[in-house]
Amino acid sequence: MVRMVFLNVLHNIVRPLRYANTCQTIHLNVTRQYARWISRRPVAIANEDELFESEDTTQEKPLRPKTFPRKQRKKKPVKKPTEITEEKYKFTNLKESDKIVSKLLTELKSRKRRGKNDEVVLEGCRLIKDALKAGAVPKAILFNDPSDIKELNIPEKVTLYKVPYKTLQLWSGLTASPGLLGIFNTPDVENTTPADNALPVTIICDNVREPGNLGSIMRAAAGVGCEKLIIMKGCVDLWNPKVLRSAAGTHFHLPIHAFPVWDDIPSLIGKDSNVFVTDSNFGDEYISEYSPNMLESSMNIFDINPEELKNKFGVNEETNEASRLIVPKNKKMMKSFMLNLPIVPYYSLDYTQTEIVIILSGETEGLSLDCYKFLSERKSIRINIPLVKGVDSLNTGVALGIVAFEIKRQILKKQSQL
């Protein structure tokens, strides 16, 4: 029994030794196969100074990676405004709160002060260029960008102020200021030379109170090439900022007589000129005797017996003065007077016989009393633009453009037939 126990113990001791070589070989193979993946502790740290802020490496500190500066993108070069040499253009730099600007422009905001000082403000490069070409000399120029001054070719002795854009925007009448203001003496536009091929047409504006309407009238008159424009007393200011913008620089392209009275009109137009008044639709029909079939020329309309005119227009003989029309005292009488004037479509007349005078009125105010008197004395007629039902009238500038270009068409057609 003891023997059996001894043999078992000996067997258990010897048996593991039989596989010792095999186990060692397997261990070595595993070590060789995965040795490169076993983590190893470095012997020394390269570039130690770059990894740690302090030279003392005994204390453990968190590693901070090296920060490199970001690459800055190359900015595109900004185009600088052209510099003006001080020898030719000397200007004064003004601050935003400088009182010189307010002193210059405050007096020019009201019509009374503009008339008293005989000065106007022109805003933008286009208006100032047109004024300089017409011979106007500015008193002062306020600008923000010096390159604008170089384009204008301003005389040397003009006072120049370089002003911040915010200040110009504050005093500007536009939503976005062009950054350029010119202060001029009121230009004399009466002596402006008309175009060489100007039409023998004179435009008279009576009671035109809307600035946009007057500007569009001036634009149409200059565009068609009228010979003269007369703006009667009682109309909106010719140099109103809104008129200047809507006219788009036509102030200097045709002769303009500003604010005369009706007694001065006979000296401004020809004695034999035919006078027409543009008319809104009062509800009356065209007079049958003035139908297009019977209108061989516009002279047929004006060959009316003066006695018939007296009876028709209600003229009374006065002892000390010549025959005059009884002045209408209310709108009903004015309307009845206009209804007594003959009315024809604008396209049915011959405008090539003699000088043409076209009278325009405001859409709301209508004609003045003195204008009615003038119409009766000059045997005037109404010209009407037929409109679709539901449309009462056209804008004054649009109506003038339709009639004026019809006149130009007839004149050009007649010239081509000669």
Protein backbone atom coordinates (compact mmCIF):
# COMPACT_ATOMS: atom_id res chain seq x y z
CA MET A 1 0.00 0.00 0.00
CA VAL A 2 2.84 2.30 0.88
CA ARG A 3 4.53 1.32 -2.34
CA MET A 4 1.56 2.32 -4.41
CA VAL A 5 1.39 5.70 -2.77
CA PHE A 6 5.10 6.31 -3.41
CA LEU A 7 4.81 5.39 -7.09
CA ASN A 8 1.92 7.79 -7.59
CA VAL A 9 3.82 10.63 -6.02
CA LEU A 10 6.86 9.91 -8.14
CA HIS A 11 4.75 9.73 -11.25
CA ASN A 12 3.19 13.10 -10.54
CA ILE A 13 6.63 14.64 -10.09
CA VAL A 14 8.21 13.19 -13.21
CA ARG A 15 5.27 13.63 -15.57
CA PRO A 16 5.40 17.46 -15.88
CA LEU A 17 9.11 17.27 -16.64
CA ARG A 18 8.40 15.35 -19.84
CA TYR A 19 6.69 18.43 -21.41
CA ALA A 20 9.14 21.05 -20.15
CA ASN A 21 10.92 21.46 -23.50
CA THR A 22 7.69 21.68 -25.41
CA CYS A 23 6.26 24.38 -23.12
CA GLN A 24 9.47 26.41 -23.36
CA THR A 25 9.40 26.30 -27.16
CA ILE A 26 5.81 27.48 -27.26
CA HIS A 27 6.59 30.32 -24.85
CA LEU A 28 9.51 31.45 -26.97
CA ASN A 29 7.45 31.38 -30.12
CA VAL A 30 4.76 33.52 -28.53
CA THR A 31 7.35 35.95 -27.29
CA ARG A 32 8.94 36.28 -30.71
CA GLN A 33 5.62 36.66 -32.47
CA TYR A 34 4.18 39.40 -30.21
CA ALA A 35 7.33 41.03 -28.93
CA ARG A 36 6.87 44.20 -31.02
CA TRP A 37 3.50 44.94 -29.40
CA ILE A 38 4.77 44.80 -25.84
CA SER A 39 4.94 48.33 -24.36
CA ARG A 40 8.40 49.48 -23.50
CA ARG A 41 9.51 52.26 -21.26
CA PRO A 42 11.80 54.76 -23.02
CA VAL A 43 15.25 55.21 -21.74
CA ALA A 44 15.30 59.01 -22.27
CA ILE A 45 12.96 61.75 -23.53
CA ALA A 46 14.00 63.60 -26.66
CA ASN A 47 13.41 67.38 -26.80
CA GLU A 48 12.51 67.53 -23.18
CA ASP A 49 12.60 71.32 -23.08
CA GLU A 50 9.92 71.58 -25.73
CA LEU A 51 7.48 69.37 -23.87
CA PHE A 52 7.76 70.95 -20.46
CA GLU A 53 7.60 74.62 -19.59
CA SER A 54 10.09 74.35 -16.68
CA GLU A 55 13.52 72.84 -16.66
CA ASP A 56 12.76 70.81 -13.52
CA THR A 57 11.70 67.37 -14.76
CA THR A 58 11.44 65.77 -11.36
CA GLN A 59 7.95 67.13 -10.77
CA GLU A 60 5.16 65.62 -12.75
CA LYS A 61 3.37 68.19 -14.92
CA PRO A 62 0.74 67.74 -17.60
CA LEU A 63 2.12 67.63 -21.06
CA ARG A 64 1.13 70.55 -23.28
CA PRO A 65 1.38 70.08 -26.99
CA LYS A 66 3.27 72.69 -28.93
CA THR A 67 0.99 75.30 -30.47
CA PHE A 68 1.72 76.47 -33.97
CA PRO A 69 0.44 79.83 -35.33
CA ARG A 70 -2.42 79.64 -37.82
CA LYS A 71 -1.72 80.43 -41.39
CA GLN A 72 -3.18 83.83 -42.18
CA ARG A 73 -4.94 84.21 -45.46
CA LYS A 74 -3.58 86.83 -47.74
CA LYS A 75 -6.02 89.72 -47.90
CA LYS A 76 -6.78 91.23 -51.26
CA PRO A 77 -5.31 94.70 -51.59
CA VAL A 78 -7.95 97.39 -51.09
CA LYS A 79 -8.09 100.00 -53.81
CA LYS A 80 -7.38 103.32 -52.22
CA PRO A 81 -9.05 106.45 -53.60
CA THR A 82 -6.86 108.47 -55.84
CA GLU A 83 -5.05 111.12 -53.91
CA ILE A 84 -5.37 114.70 -55.02
CA THR A 85 -2.26 116.79 -54.99
CA GLU A 86 -2.49 119.65 -52.55
CA GLU A 87 -0.90 122.02 -55.04
CA LYS A 88 -4.02 121.99 -57.26
CA TYR A 89 -6.78 121.12 -54.78
CA LYS A 90 -6.56 122.40 -51.22
CA PHE A 91 -9.35 121.16 -48.98
CA THR A 92 -10.22 121.43 -45.32
CA ASN A 93 -10.93 118.32 -43.23
CA LEU A 94 -14.04 118.78 -41.09
CA LYS A 95 -15.13 116.64 -38.18
CA GLU A 96 -18.57 115.10 -37.82
CA SER A 97 -19.78 117.74 -35.35
CA ASP A 98 -18.28 120.75 -37.11
CA LYS A 99 -20.59 123.77 -37.26
CA ILE A 100 -19.39 124.93 -40.68
CA VAL A 101 -21.53 122.32 -42.46
CA SER A 102 -24.69 123.15 -40.52
CA LYS A 103 -24.14 126.86 -41.11
CA LEU A 104 -23.75 126.33 -44.86
CA LEU A 105 -26.73 124.03 -45.38
CA THR A 106 -29.30 125.22 -42.86
CA GLU A 107 -29.97 128.43 -44.79
CA LEU A 108 -30.45 126.51 -48.05
CA LYS A 109 -33.16 124.15 -46.82
CA SER A 110 -36.01 126.67 -47.07
CA ARG A 111 -37.17 128.30 -50.29
CA LYS A 112 -37.25 131.80 -48.76
CA ARG A 113 -33.67 131.64 -47.59
CA ARG A 114 -32.51 130.20 -50.92
CA GLY A 115 -34.16 133.11 -52.71
CA LYS A 116 -32.73 135.64 -50.27
CA ASN A 117 -29.17 134.34 -50.61
CA ASP A 118 -29.62 133.50 -54.30
CA GLU A 119 -28.07 130.07 -53.71
CA VAL A 120 -29.01 126.47 -54.47
CA VAL A 121 -27.69 123.05 -53.47
CA LEU A 122 -26.91 120.51 -56.17
CA GLU A 123 -26.35 116.94 -55.04
CA GLY A 124 -24.54 114.27 -56.99
CA CYS A 125 -21.86 114.19 -59.65
CA ARG A 126 -24.29 114.43 -62.59
CA LEU A 127 -26.02 117.66 -61.54
CA ILE A 128 -22.76 119.36 -60.59
CA LYS A 129 -21.18 118.40 -63.92
CA ASP A 130 -24.13 119.83 -65.85
CA ALA A 131 -23.96 123.05 -63.84
CA LEU A 132 -20.23 123.42 -64.48
CA LYS A 133 -20.72 122.84 -68.21
CA ALA A 134 -23.40 125.54 -68.21
CA GLY A 135 -20.86 127.99 -66.76
CA ALA A 136 -21.97 128.02 -63.11
CA VAL A 137 -19.18 128.46 -60.56
CA PRO A 138 -19.67 126.76 -57.17
CA LYS A 139 -19.15 128.62 -53.91
CA ALA A 140 -18.25 125.47 -51.97
CA ILE A 141 -18.06 121.71 -52.52
CA LEU A 142 -18.59 119.17 -49.75
CA PHE A 143 -17.29 115.68 -50.50
CA ASN A 144 -16.24 112.43 -48.88
CA ASP A 145 -14.18 110.70 -51.57
CA PRO A 146 -11.38 112.83 -53.14
CA SER A 147 -11.70 110.91 -56.42
CA ASP A 148 -15.05 112.64 -57.03
CA ILE A 149 -13.31 116.00 -57.07
CA LYS A 150 -10.89 114.85 -59.74
CA GLU A 151 -13.73 113.80 -62.03
CA LEU A 152 -15.50 117.16 -61.76
CA ASN A 153 -12.57 119.32 -62.88
CA ILE A 154 -13.48 122.13 -60.48
CA PRO A 155 -11.85 125.57 -60.76
CA GLU A 156 -8.91 126.13 -58.44
CA LYS A 157 -10.33 128.87 -56.19
CA VAL A 158 -13.40 126.92 -55.09
CA THR A 159 -13.61 126.17 -51.35
CA LEU A 160 -13.48 122.42 -50.71
CA TYR A 161 -14.49 120.60 -47.52
CA LYS A 162 -13.81 116.93 -46.84
CA VAL A 163 -16.69 115.82 -44.62
CA PRO A 164 -17.50 112.42 -43.01
CA TYR A 165 -20.08 110.45 -44.94
CA LYS A 166 -22.47 110.37 -41.96
CA THR A 167 -22.67 114.15 -42.01
CA LEU A 168 -23.44 114.24 -45.75
CA GLN A 169 -26.08 111.54 -45.27
CA LEU A 170 -27.69 113.60 -42.51
CA TRP A 171 -28.12 116.64 -44.78
CA SER A 172 -28.92 114.70 -47.94
CA GLY A 173 -32.41 114.53 -49.39
CA LEU A 174 -31.77 111.01 -50.75
CA THR A 175 -32.04 107.65 -49.05
CA ALA A 176 -28.42 106.89 -49.97
CA SER A 177 -26.35 110.03 -50.32
CA PRO A 178 -23.88 110.15 -53.24
CA GLY A 179 -21.40 111.80 -50.88
CA LEU A 180 -21.10 115.01 -52.90
CA LEU A 181 -22.81 118.39 -52.41
CA GLY A 182 -22.27 121.63 -54.29
CA ILE A 183 -23.40 125.11 -53.24
CA PHE A 184 -23.94 127.37 -56.27
CA ASN A 185 -25.31 130.78 -57.00
CA THR A 186 -28.69 130.27 -58.65
CA PRO A 187 -27.82 129.52 -62.31
CA ASP A 188 -29.33 131.71 -65.02
CA VAL A 189 -31.18 129.15 -67.12
CA GLU A 190 -33.15 131.68 -69.19
CA ASN A 191 -30.21 132.27 -71.51
CA THR A 192 -29.60 128.58 -72.18
CA THR A 193 -29.28 127.97 -75.90
CA PRO A 194 -31.93 125.56 -77.26
CA ALA A 195 -30.94 122.61 -79.41
CA ASP A 196 -30.21 123.23 -83.11
CA ASN A 197 -33.16 121.08 -84.18
CA ALA A 198 -35.50 122.31 -81.44
CA LEU A 199 -39.23 122.15 -82.15
CA PRO A 200 -41.19 125.44 -82.32
CA VAL A 201 -43.05 124.42 -79.16
CA THR A 202 -43.38 126.39 -75.91
CA ILE A 203 -44.58 124.67 -72.72
CA ILE A 204 -46.35 126.72 -70.02
CA CYS A 205 -46.83 125.19 -66.57
CA ASP A 206 -49.64 126.70 -64.49
CA ASN A 207 -50.39 125.69 -60.89
CA VAL A 208 -48.12 122.64 -61.00
CA ARG A 209 -47.53 122.11 -57.29
CA GLU A 210 -46.18 118.54 -57.24
CA PRO A 211 -42.35 118.43 -57.52
CA GLY A 212 -42.35 115.06 -59.27
CA ASN A 213 -44.79 116.30 -61.91
CA LEU A 214 -42.74 119.39 -62.69
CA GLY A 215 -39.58 117.29 -62.96
CA SER A 216 -41.23 114.85 -65.37
CA ILE A 217 -42.56 117.77 -67.46
CA MET A 218 -39.05 119.21 -67.73
CA ARG A 219 -37.66 115.81 -68.67
CA ALA A 220 -40.25 115.29 -71.41
CA ALA A 221 -39.78 118.84 -72.76
CA ALA A 222 -36.01 118.41 -72.97
CA GLY A 223 -36.32 114.90 -74.41
CA VAL A 224 -38.56 115.91 -77.30
CA GLY A 225 -36.53 119.08 -77.93
CA CYS A 226 -38.92 121.92 -77.09
CA GLU A 227 -37.78 125.45 -77.72
CA LYS A 228 -38.82 126.96 -74.38
CA LEU A 229 -40.31 126.14 -70.99
CA ILE A 230 -42.23 128.70 -68.90
CA ILE A 231 -42.97 127.98 -65.23
CA MET A 232 -45.61 130.40 -63.97
CA LYS A 233 -45.70 132.03 -60.58
CA GLY A 234 -47.53 129.71 -58.17
CA CYS A 235 -45.77 126.52 -59.33
CA VAL A 236 -43.39 124.54 -57.15
CA ASP A 237 -39.85 125.86 -56.75
CA LEU A 238 -37.70 125.13 -59.79
CA TRP A 239 -34.71 124.29 -57.56
CA ASN A 240 -36.60 122.08 -55.14
CA PRO A 241 -34.49 118.95 -54.37
CA LYS A 242 -37.27 116.63 -55.57
CA VAL A 243 -37.62 118.61 -58.80
CA LEU A 244 -33.87 118.36 -59.35
CA ARG A 245 -33.91 114.58 -58.87
CA SER A 246 -36.94 113.89 -61.07
CA ALA A 247 -35.72 116.26 -63.82
CA ALA A 248 -32.42 114.34 -63.98
CA GLY A 249 -30.25 117.30 -64.99
CA THR A 250 -32.52 118.84 -67.65
CA HIS A 251 -32.42 122.24 -65.91
CA PHE A 252 -29.41 123.13 -68.05
CA HIS A 253 -30.58 121.64 -71.37
CA LEU A 254 -33.34 124.05 -72.43
CA PRO A 255 -34.27 127.70 -71.82
CA ILE A 256 -36.49 128.05 -68.73
CA HIS A 257 -38.34 131.22 -67.75
CA ALA A 258 -39.08 130.94 -64.05
CA PHE A 259 -42.07 132.51 -62.32
CA PRO A 260 -43.33 135.24 -64.68
CA VAL A 261 -46.90 136.55 -64.41
CA TRP A 262 -49.53 136.16 -67.11
CA ASP A 263 -49.11 139.75 -68.23
CA ASP A 264 -45.56 138.85 -69.31
CA ILE A 265 -46.57 135.86 -71.43
CA PRO A 266 -47.43 137.76 -74.67
CA SER A 267 -43.83 138.99 -74.84
CA LEU A 268 -42.48 135.44 -74.46
CA ILE A 269 -44.50 133.79 -77.25
CA GLY A 270 -45.32 134.68 -80.84
CA LYS A 271 -48.40 136.70 -81.70
CA ASP A 272 -49.58 134.15 -84.26
CA SER A 273 -48.91 131.09 -82.15
CA ASN A 274 -51.66 128.52 -81.62
CA VAL A 275 -52.48 127.97 -77.94
CA PHE A 276 -53.65 124.57 -76.70
CA VAL A 277 -54.56 123.51 -73.19
CA THR A 278 -54.39 119.88 -72.12
CA ASP A 279 -57.69 118.87 -70.61
CA SER A 280 -58.92 116.14 -68.34
CA ASN A 281 -62.18 114.48 -69.29
CA PHE A 282 -64.98 116.70 -67.95
CA GLY A 283 -67.61 114.31 -69.26
CA ASP A 284 -68.42 116.28 -72.39
CA GLU A 285 -68.24 114.85 -75.88
CA TYR A 286 -66.15 116.17 -78.73
CA ILE A 287 -67.79 119.06 -80.55
CA SER A 288 -69.22 117.78 -83.80
CA GLU A 289 -68.16 120.73 -85.97
CA TYR A 290 -64.53 120.05 -84.99
CA SER A 291 -64.48 116.39 -85.98
CA PRO A 292 -61.29 115.06 -87.60
CA ASN A 293 -62.95 114.91 -91.03
CA MET A 294 -63.47 118.66 -91.06
CA LEU A 295 -60.04 119.59 -89.65
CA GLU A 296 -57.82 120.08 -92.66
CA SER A 297 -55.56 122.34 -90.61
CA SER A 298 -55.49 123.89 -87.19
CA MET A 299 -56.19 127.33 -88.70
CA ASN A 300 -59.80 126.29 -89.35
CA ILE A 301 -60.41 126.25 -85.60
CA PHE A 302 -59.04 129.73 -85.00
CA ASP A 303 -61.07 131.41 -87.75
CA ILE A 304 -63.92 132.18 -85.37
CA ASN A 305 -65.88 135.41 -85.43
CA PRO A 306 -64.90 137.58 -82.41
CA GLU A 307 -68.56 138.49 -81.89
CA GLU A 308 -69.39 134.81 -81.47
CA LEU A 309 -66.59 134.52 -78.92
CA LYS A 310 -68.00 137.43 -76.92
CA ASN A 311 -71.43 135.85 -76.77
CA LYS A 312 -70.04 132.39 -76.17
CA PHE A 313 -67.58 133.31 -73.39
CA GLY A 314 -69.70 136.00 -71.72
CA VAL A 315 -67.57 139.06 -72.53
CA ASN A 316 -68.87 142.43 -71.43
CA GLU A 317 -67.88 145.79 -72.88
CA GLU A 318 -66.35 148.14 -70.36
CA THR A 319 -66.06 151.84 -70.86
CA ASN A 320 -62.44 152.43 -69.90
CA GLU A 321 -60.82 149.15 -70.89
CA ALA A 322 -60.91 146.67 -73.71
CA SER A 323 -63.30 143.74 -73.77
CA ARG A 324 -62.48 141.30 -71.01
CA LEU A 325 -63.87 138.08 -69.73
CA ILE A 326 -65.79 138.13 -66.45
CA VAL A 327 -63.46 136.22 -64.11
CA PRO A 328 -64.99 132.99 -62.77
CA LYS A 329 -65.33 133.04 -59.00
CA ASN A 330 -65.74 129.36 -58.21
CA LYS A 331 -64.92 125.96 -59.61
CA LYS A 332 -68.33 125.47 -61.17
CA MET A 333 -67.92 128.64 -63.19
CA MET A 334 -64.38 127.58 -64.15
CA LYS A 335 -65.66 124.23 -65.31
CA SER A 336 -68.44 125.84 -67.32
CA PHE A 337 -65.90 128.14 -68.92
CA MET A 338 -63.69 125.22 -69.92
CA LEU A 339 -66.71 123.43 -71.37
CA ASN A 340 -67.28 126.43 -73.63
CA LEU A 341 -63.85 125.94 -75.21
CA PRO A 342 -63.80 123.58 -78.20
CA ILE A 343 -62.30 120.16 -77.50
CA VAL A 344 -60.70 117.79 -80.02
CA PRO A 345 -58.52 114.66 -79.85
CA TYR A 346 -54.83 115.50 -79.78
CA TYR A 347 -54.06 113.44 -82.90
CA SER A 348 -56.66 115.20 -85.11
CA LEU A 349 -54.83 118.54 -85.39
CA ASP A 350 -52.16 119.78 -87.76
CA TYR A 351 -49.35 121.18 -85.62
CA THR A 352 -47.05 122.14 -88.52
CA GLN A 353 -48.63 125.48 -89.44
CA THR A 354 -47.08 127.82 -86.89
CA GLU A 355 -45.59 128.01 -83.39
CA ILE A 356 -47.35 125.85 -80.79
CA VAL A 357 -48.02 126.79 -77.16
CA ILE A 358 -49.15 124.02 -74.79
CA ILE A 359 -50.51 124.92 -71.35
CA LEU A 360 -50.38 122.34 -68.56
CA SER A 361 -52.00 122.52 -65.16
CA GLY A 362 -51.77 120.59 -61.91
CA GLU A 363 -53.99 117.56 -61.57
CA THR A 364 -55.62 118.81 -58.35
CA GLU A 365 -55.34 122.60 -58.51
CA GLY A 366 -56.35 123.14 -62.12
CA LEU A 367 -55.79 126.36 -64.04
CA SER A 368 -55.53 129.76 -62.38
CA LEU A 369 -57.99 132.59 -62.98
CA ASP A 370 -55.50 134.63 -65.02
CA CYS A 371 -54.92 131.62 -67.25
CA TYR A 372 -58.65 131.45 -68.12
CA LYS A 373 -58.51 135.07 -69.17
CA PHE A 374 -55.47 134.40 -71.37
CA LEU A 375 -57.16 131.39 -72.99
CA SER A 376 -60.19 133.45 -73.95
CA GLU A 377 -58.07 136.22 -75.44
CA ARG A 378 -55.98 133.81 -77.54
CA LYS A 379 -58.91 131.73 -78.87
CA SER A 380 -57.53 128.59 -77.31
CA ILE A 381 -58.89 125.07 -77.67
CA ARG A 382 -58.67 121.96 -75.55
CA ILE A 383 -56.84 118.86 -76.68
CA ASN A 384 -57.82 115.59 -75.07
CA ILE A 385 -56.17 112.16 -74.89
CA PRO A 386 -58.92 109.52 -75.11
CA LEU A 387 -58.72 107.09 -72.19
CA VAL A 388 -60.35 103.80 -71.34
CA LYS A 389 -63.40 103.99 -69.09
CA GLY A 390 -62.51 104.10 -65.42
CA VAL A 391 -59.29 106.10 -65.94
CA ASP A 392 -59.89 109.75 -65.16
CA SER A 393 -56.60 111.32 -66.22
CA LEU A 394 -52.92 110.79 -66.91
CA ASN A 395 -49.88 112.13 -65.14
CA THR A 396 -49.08 115.61 -66.44
CA GLY A 397 -45.62 114.61 -67.65
CA VAL A 398 -46.98 111.53 -69.42
CA ALA A 399 -49.70 113.57 -71.15
CA LEU A 400 -47.13 116.11 -72.33
CA GLY A 401 -44.91 113.36 -73.68
CA ILE A 402 -47.76 111.90 -75.76
CA VAL A 403 -48.75 115.24 -77.27
CA ALA A 404 -45.19 116.54 -77.76
CA PHE A 405 -43.99 113.45 -79.63
CA GLU A 406 -47.08 113.58 -81.85
CA ILE A 407 -46.08 117.14 -82.75
CA LYS A 408 -42.53 116.01 -83.46
CA ARG A 409 -43.79 113.13 -85.63
CA GLN A 410 -45.85 115.49 -87.78
CA ILE A 411 -43.00 117.98 -88.18
CA LEU A 412 -40.48 115.30 -89.15
CA LYS A 413 -42.96 113.78 -91.61
CA LYS A 414 -43.53 117.16 -93.26
CA GLN A 415 -39.81 117.84 -93.50
CA SER A 416 -39.21 114.48 -95.17
CA GLN A 417 -41.80 115.28 -97.83
CA LEU A 418 -40.19 118.57 -98.82
